[in-house]
Amino acid sequence: MATTAYVTLNSRITTVEHGLEMSDRTIKDNASFVREWPLGLRGALPDKVQEIQELKREMRVMEIELGRLRSQTETQEEKIETLFELWNNQKIGI
């Protein structure tokens, strides 16, 4: 009877130890994946992430173009104001 109990306990301890080792290995693999995947070391990024990155690049280009257009508009508005002042000054006779 004692031998059966010993074998049963030994078997259960071995099973628990094996499960623990497998869990540790999975955790280590997941930890390295989490570190390496965003850097592209573990394969390509999913399409959605690449799509988001491309949209961000396009948005930056559009922001630059918008800034350029705003500066052109401000310059044109200043020129129009100057021309209007000149025209008014000619009408008044200054």
Protein backbone atom coordinates (compact mmCIF):
# COMPACT_ATOMS: atom_id res chain seq x y z
CA MET A 1 0.00 0.00 0.00
CA ALA A 2 2.80 2.46 0.85
CA THR A 3 4.49 1.62 -2.44
CA THR A 4 1.33 2.44 -4.40
CA ALA A 5 0.96 5.77 -2.57
CA TYR A 6 4.60 6.59 -3.24
CA VAL A 7 4.29 5.79 -6.97
CA THR A 8 1.06 7.78 -7.24
CA LEU A 9 2.54 10.82 -5.48
CA ASN A 10 5.75 10.58 -7.50
CA SER A 11 3.74 10.40 -10.72
CA ARG A 12 1.62 13.41 -9.79
CA ILE A 13 4.68 15.45 -8.77
CA THR A 14 6.38 14.59 -12.06
CA THR A 15 3.25 15.67 -13.98
CA VAL A 16 3.05 18.98 -12.07
CA GLU A 17 6.78 19.64 -12.60
CA HIS A 18 6.45 18.94 -16.31
CA GLY A 19 3.46 21.28 -16.56
CA LEU A 20 5.40 23.97 -14.73
CA GLU A 21 8.40 23.60 -17.06
CA MET A 22 6.13 23.82 -20.11
CA SER A 23 4.46 26.95 -18.70
CA ASP A 24 7.85 28.55 -18.05
CA ARG A 25 8.96 27.79 -21.60
CA THR A 26 5.74 29.27 -23.03
CA ILE A 27 6.12 32.40 -20.91
CA LYS A 28 9.73 32.87 -22.04
CA ASP A 29 8.75 32.37 -25.69
CA ASN A 30 5.90 34.87 -25.36
CA ALA A 31 8.13 37.42 -23.62
CA SER A 32 10.72 37.27 -26.40
CA PHE A 33 7.97 37.45 -29.03
CA VAL A 34 6.52 40.59 -27.42
CA ARG A 35 9.98 42.23 -27.49
CA GLU A 36 11.02 41.09 -30.97
CA TRP A 37 7.80 41.19 -33.02
CA PRO A 38 7.32 44.99 -33.09
CA LEU A 39 10.91 45.30 -34.30
CA GLY A 40 10.17 42.99 -37.23
CA LEU A 41 12.46 40.26 -35.90
CA ARG A 42 9.65 37.70 -35.74
CA GLY A 43 8.06 38.05 -39.15
CA ALA A 44 6.03 40.73 -40.87
CA LEU A 45 3.65 43.02 -39.06
CA PRO A 46 -0.03 42.39 -39.70
CA ASP A 47 -1.66 44.22 -42.58
CA LYS A 48 -3.67 46.50 -40.29
CA VAL A 49 -0.58 47.79 -38.50
CA GLN A 50 1.16 48.43 -41.82
CA GLU A 51 -1.97 50.13 -43.12
CA ILE A 52 -2.08 52.39 -40.05
CA GLN A 53 1.59 53.29 -40.50
CA GLU A 54 0.97 54.16 -44.17
CA LEU A 55 -2.02 56.31 -43.22
CA LYS A 56 0.13 58.15 -40.66
CA ARG A 57 2.76 58.84 -43.34
CA GLU A 58 0.09 60.13 -45.73
CA MET A 59 -1.34 62.31 -42.97
CA ARG A 60 2.09 63.87 -42.33
CA VAL A 61 2.44 64.66 -46.04
CA MET A 62 -1.02 66.22 -46.06
CA GLU A 63 -0.22 68.31 -42.97
CA ILE A 64 2.91 69.64 -44.69
CA GLU A 65 0.92 70.48 -47.81
CA LEU A 66 -1.78 72.15 -45.71
CA GLY A 67 0.85 74.29 -43.97
CA ARG A 68 2.29 75.31 -47.34
CA LEU A 69 -1.17 76.24 -48.63
CA ARG A 70 -1.92 78.24 -45.47
CA SER A 71 1.26 80.23 -45.86
CA GLN A 72 0.42 80.93 -49.53
CA THR A 73 -3.07 82.05 -48.52
CA GLU A 74 -1.71 84.37 -45.83
CA THR A 75 0.75 85.86 -48.33
CA GLN A 76 -2.02 86.39 -50.88
CA GLU A 77 -4.25 88.01 -48.25
CA GLU A 78 -1.42 90.40 -47.32
CA LYS A 79 -0.94 91.31 -50.99
CA ILE A 80 -4.65 91.94 -51.42
CA GLU A 81 -4.70 94.18 -48.34
CA THR A 82 -1.69 96.11 -49.66
CA LEU A 83 -3.33 96.57 -53.07
CA PHE A 84 -6.58 97.65 -51.43
CA GLU A 85 -4.73 100.23 -49.31
CA LEU A 86 -2.90 101.54 -52.39
CA TRP A 87 -6.16 101.83 -54.31
CA ASN A 88 -7.86 103.59 -51.38
CA ASN A 89 -4.90 105.98 -51.01
CA GLN A 90 -5.09 106.85 -54.73
CA LYS A 91 -8.84 107.54 -54.43
CA ILE A 92 -8.29 109.79 -51.43
CA GLY A 93 -5.33 111.48 -53.09
CA ILE A 94 -2.66 110.70 -50.54
